[in-house]
Amino acid sequence: MAAIKTEIAAYKKMQSELETKHLGKWVVVHDEQLIGVYESLQNAGVDAIAKFDRGPYLIHQVGKPFEIQLPAKFHGRT
């Protein structure tokens, strides 16, 4: 979870510029770097998986608030 917090912090440093240039698009952030800007979540996900496998990386829609959702196994459900 610490890794994703680092990626969110990196995104927040870029947020103003991203919202100016890419509002509504999807971005991938990895190792505190902007990897790419995409038209869809699917395109962002396919590229992120191809480049970084299971991560960690952040995929986020520019302009939307952060809502981290953990898989069911983290809530004690499987």
N, C-alpha and C. Protein backbone atom coordinates (compact mmCIF):
# COMPACT_ATOMS: atom_id res chain seq x y z
N MET A 1 0.82 -1.20 0.00
CA MET A 1 0.00 0.00 0.00
C MET A 1 0.86 1.26 0.00
N ALA A 2 2.06 1.19 0.56
CA ALA A 2 2.94 2.35 0.58
C ALA A 2 3.33 2.77 -0.83
N ALA A 3 3.53 1.78 -1.71
CA ALA A 3 3.92 2.09 -3.09
C ALA A 3 2.85 2.89 -3.80
N ILE A 4 1.59 2.53 -3.62
CA ILE A 4 0.52 3.25 -4.30
C ILE A 4 0.38 4.66 -3.74
N LYS A 5 0.63 4.82 -2.47
CA LYS A 5 0.60 6.16 -1.87
C LYS A 5 1.68 7.04 -2.48
N THR A 6 2.83 6.46 -2.78
CA THR A 6 3.91 7.20 -3.43
C THR A 6 3.48 7.64 -4.83
N GLU A 7 2.80 6.75 -5.55
CA GLU A 7 2.35 7.09 -6.90
C GLU A 7 1.25 8.16 -6.85
N ILE A 8 0.37 8.09 -5.86
CA ILE A 8 -0.66 9.12 -5.71
C ILE A 8 -0.02 10.47 -5.41
N ALA A 9 0.98 10.48 -4.54
CA ALA A 9 1.69 11.73 -4.23
C ALA A 9 2.34 12.31 -5.49
N ALA A 10 2.92 11.46 -6.31
CA ALA A 10 3.53 11.91 -7.56
C ALA A 10 2.46 12.49 -8.49
N TYR A 11 1.32 11.81 -8.59
CA TYR A 11 0.21 12.31 -9.40
C TYR A 11 -0.22 13.69 -8.92
N LYS A 12 -0.35 13.85 -7.62
CA LYS A 12 -0.81 15.13 -7.08
C LYS A 12 0.14 16.27 -7.41
N LYS A 13 1.42 15.97 -7.54
CA LYS A 13 2.38 17.00 -7.96
C LYS A 13 2.14 17.43 -9.40
N MET A 14 1.64 16.53 -10.22
CA MET A 14 1.37 16.79 -11.64
C MET A 14 -0.07 17.21 -11.90
N GLN A 15 -0.90 17.13 -10.89
CA GLN A 15 -2.35 17.23 -11.05
C GLN A 15 -2.79 18.50 -11.77
N SER A 16 -2.28 19.63 -11.39
CA SER A 16 -2.72 20.89 -12.00
C SER A 16 -2.46 20.89 -13.51
N GLU A 17 -1.27 20.51 -13.90
CA GLU A 17 -0.93 20.47 -15.33
C GLU A 17 -1.77 19.42 -16.08
N LEU A 18 -1.94 18.25 -15.45
CA LEU A 18 -2.74 17.20 -16.08
C LEU A 18 -4.18 17.65 -16.28
N GLU A 19 -4.75 18.32 -15.29
CA GLU A 19 -6.14 18.78 -15.39
C GLU A 19 -6.29 19.86 -16.45
N THR A 20 -5.24 20.65 -16.66
CA THR A 20 -5.27 21.67 -17.69
C THR A 20 -5.21 21.06 -19.09
N LYS A 21 -4.37 20.04 -19.25
CA LYS A 21 -4.12 19.47 -20.58
C LYS A 21 -4.92 18.21 -20.90
N HIS A 22 -5.30 17.44 -19.87
CA HIS A 22 -5.84 16.10 -20.12
C HIS A 22 -7.08 15.75 -19.29
N LEU A 23 -7.88 16.72 -18.95
CA LEU A 23 -9.06 16.49 -18.11
C LEU A 23 -9.94 15.40 -18.72
N GLY A 24 -10.30 14.41 -17.89
CA GLY A 24 -11.16 13.32 -18.32
C GLY A 24 -10.43 12.13 -18.92
N LYS A 25 -9.15 12.30 -19.23
CA LYS A 25 -8.36 11.19 -19.79
C LYS A 25 -7.86 10.32 -18.64
N TRP A 26 -7.29 9.19 -18.99
CA TRP A 26 -6.73 8.26 -18.02
C TRP A 26 -5.21 8.32 -18.08
N VAL A 27 -4.56 8.25 -16.92
CA VAL A 27 -3.09 8.29 -16.88
C VAL A 27 -2.56 7.08 -16.12
N VAL A 28 -1.33 6.73 -16.46
CA VAL A 28 -0.59 5.70 -15.73
C VAL A 28 0.63 6.39 -15.12
N VAL A 29 0.82 6.19 -13.82
CA VAL A 29 1.98 6.70 -13.11
C VAL A 29 2.72 5.51 -12.50
N HIS A 30 4.02 5.45 -12.75
CA HIS A 30 4.86 4.36 -12.25
C HIS A 30 6.21 4.94 -11.88
N ASP A 31 6.74 4.54 -10.74
CA ASP A 31 8.01 5.07 -10.24
C ASP A 31 8.02 6.60 -10.25
N GLU A 32 6.88 7.17 -9.85
CA GLU A 32 6.71 8.60 -9.73
C GLU A 32 6.85 9.35 -11.06
N GLN A 33 6.66 8.64 -12.17
CA GLN A 33 6.74 9.24 -13.50
C GLN A 33 5.43 9.03 -14.24
N LEU A 34 5.05 10.01 -15.04
CA LEU A 34 3.90 9.87 -15.91
C LEU A 34 4.31 8.98 -17.08
N ILE A 35 3.66 7.84 -17.21
CA ILE A 35 4.00 6.89 -18.26
C ILE A 35 3.22 7.18 -19.53
N GLY A 36 1.95 7.55 -19.39
CA GLY A 36 1.17 7.84 -20.57
C GLY A 36 -0.20 8.39 -20.24
N VAL A 37 -0.83 8.96 -21.27
CA VAL A 37 -2.18 9.51 -21.18
C VAL A 37 -3.02 8.73 -22.19
N TYR A 38 -4.22 8.30 -21.79
CA TYR A 38 -5.02 7.37 -22.58
C TYR A 38 -6.47 7.83 -22.66
N GLU A 39 -7.13 7.42 -23.72
CA GLU A 39 -8.54 7.76 -23.92
C GLU A 39 -9.47 6.94 -23.03
N SER A 40 -9.03 5.74 -22.63
CA SER A 40 -9.92 4.87 -21.86
C SER A 40 -9.16 4.14 -20.76
N LEU A 41 -9.91 3.68 -19.76
CA LEU A 41 -9.34 2.86 -18.70
C LEU A 41 -8.76 1.58 -19.30
N GLN A 42 -9.46 1.00 -20.24
CA GLN A 42 -8.98 -0.24 -20.85
C GLN A 42 -7.62 -0.04 -21.52
N ASN A 43 -7.47 1.02 -22.28
CA ASN A 43 -6.18 1.28 -22.94
C ASN A 43 -5.07 1.51 -21.91
N ALA A 44 -5.37 2.24 -20.85
CA ALA A 44 -4.39 2.49 -19.81
C ALA A 44 -4.00 1.18 -19.13
N GLY A 45 -4.99 0.35 -18.84
CA GLY A 45 -4.73 -0.92 -18.18
C GLY A 45 -3.91 -1.87 -19.03
N VAL A 46 -4.25 -1.98 -20.30
CA VAL A 46 -3.51 -2.87 -21.20
C VAL A 46 -2.05 -2.44 -21.28
N ASP A 47 -1.80 -1.15 -21.41
CA ASP A 47 -0.42 -0.66 -21.51
C ASP A 47 0.33 -0.86 -20.20
N ALA A 48 -0.32 -0.55 -19.08
CA ALA A 48 0.33 -0.70 -17.77
C ALA A 48 0.71 -2.16 -17.52
N ILE A 49 -0.18 -3.08 -17.82
CA ILE A 49 0.10 -4.50 -17.60
C ILE A 49 1.22 -4.96 -18.52
N ALA A 50 1.20 -4.51 -19.77
CA ALA A 50 2.24 -4.90 -20.72
C ALA A 50 3.61 -4.41 -20.27
N LYS A 51 3.66 -3.22 -19.69
CA LYS A 51 4.94 -2.63 -19.29
C LYS A 51 5.39 -3.06 -17.90
N PHE A 52 4.45 -3.22 -16.97
CA PHE A 52 4.82 -3.39 -15.56
C PHE A 52 4.19 -4.61 -14.90
N ASP A 53 3.53 -5.45 -15.65
CA ASP A 53 2.88 -6.65 -15.15
C ASP A 53 1.88 -6.27 -14.05
N ARG A 54 2.10 -6.75 -12.86
CA ARG A 54 1.15 -6.54 -11.76
C ARG A 54 1.41 -5.27 -10.97
N GLY A 55 2.41 -4.52 -11.34
CA GLY A 55 2.64 -3.24 -10.67
C GLY A 55 3.69 -3.29 -9.60
N PRO A 56 3.68 -2.31 -8.76
CA PRO A 56 2.61 -1.33 -8.55
C PRO A 56 2.68 -0.17 -9.54
N TYR A 57 1.53 0.32 -9.87
CA TYR A 57 1.37 1.53 -10.68
C TYR A 57 0.01 2.11 -10.37
N LEU A 58 -0.16 3.35 -10.74
CA LEU A 58 -1.43 4.04 -10.53
C LEU A 58 -2.09 4.26 -11.88
N ILE A 59 -3.34 3.89 -11.99
CA ILE A 59 -4.16 4.26 -13.14
C ILE A 59 -5.27 5.14 -12.58
N HIS A 60 -5.39 6.33 -13.15
CA HIS A 60 -6.36 7.28 -12.58
C HIS A 60 -6.95 8.15 -13.69
N GLN A 61 -8.24 8.48 -13.54
CA GLN A 61 -8.88 9.40 -14.48
C GLN A 61 -8.65 10.83 -13.99
N VAL A 62 -8.06 11.62 -14.85
CA VAL A 62 -7.71 13.00 -14.51
C VAL A 62 -8.97 13.80 -14.19
N GLY A 63 -8.94 14.43 -13.02
CA GLY A 63 -10.06 15.26 -12.59
C GLY A 63 -11.02 14.59 -11.63
N LYS A 64 -10.87 13.28 -11.45
CA LYS A 64 -11.75 12.55 -10.53
C LYS A 64 -11.09 12.46 -9.16
N PRO A 65 -11.89 12.43 -8.09
CA PRO A 65 -11.30 12.26 -6.75
C PRO A 65 -10.76 10.85 -6.57
N PHE A 66 -9.87 10.69 -5.63
CA PHE A 66 -9.30 9.38 -5.34
C PHE A 66 -10.22 8.60 -4.42
N GLU A 67 -10.51 7.39 -4.82
CA GLU A 67 -11.29 6.45 -4.00
C GLU A 67 -10.58 5.12 -4.10
N ILE A 68 -9.75 4.82 -3.13
CA ILE A 68 -9.02 3.56 -3.15
C ILE A 68 -9.94 2.44 -2.69
N GLN A 69 -10.08 1.43 -3.53
CA GLN A 69 -10.90 0.28 -3.19
C GLN A 69 -9.99 -0.94 -3.11
N LEU A 70 -10.04 -1.60 -1.98
CA LEU A 70 -9.22 -2.79 -1.79
C LEU A 70 -9.98 -4.04 -2.22
N PRO A 71 -9.25 -5.02 -2.75
CA PRO A 71 -9.91 -6.29 -3.09
C PRO A 71 -10.54 -6.91 -1.86
N ALA A 72 -11.52 -7.79 -2.09
CA ALA A 72 -12.26 -8.42 -1.01
C ALA A 72 -11.34 -9.14 -0.01
N LYS A 73 -10.24 -9.72 -0.47
CA LYS A 73 -9.37 -10.46 0.44
C LYS A 73 -8.79 -9.57 1.53
N PHE A 74 -8.69 -8.25 1.28
CA PHE A 74 -8.18 -7.34 2.30
C PHE A 74 -9.25 -7.01 3.33
N HIS A 75 -10.47 -7.29 3.03
CA HIS A 75 -11.57 -7.06 3.95
C HIS A 75 -11.95 -8.33 4.70
N GLY A 76 -11.13 -9.36 4.57
CA GLY A 76 -11.42 -10.61 5.25
C GLY A 76 -12.35 -11.52 4.48
N ARG A 77 -12.67 -11.13 3.24
CA ARG A 77 -13.53 -11.96 2.38
C ARG A 77 -12.68 -12.49 1.24
N THR A 78 -13.04 -13.65 0.74
CA THR A 78 -12.32 -14.21 -0.41
C THR A 78 -13.26 -14.58 -1.51
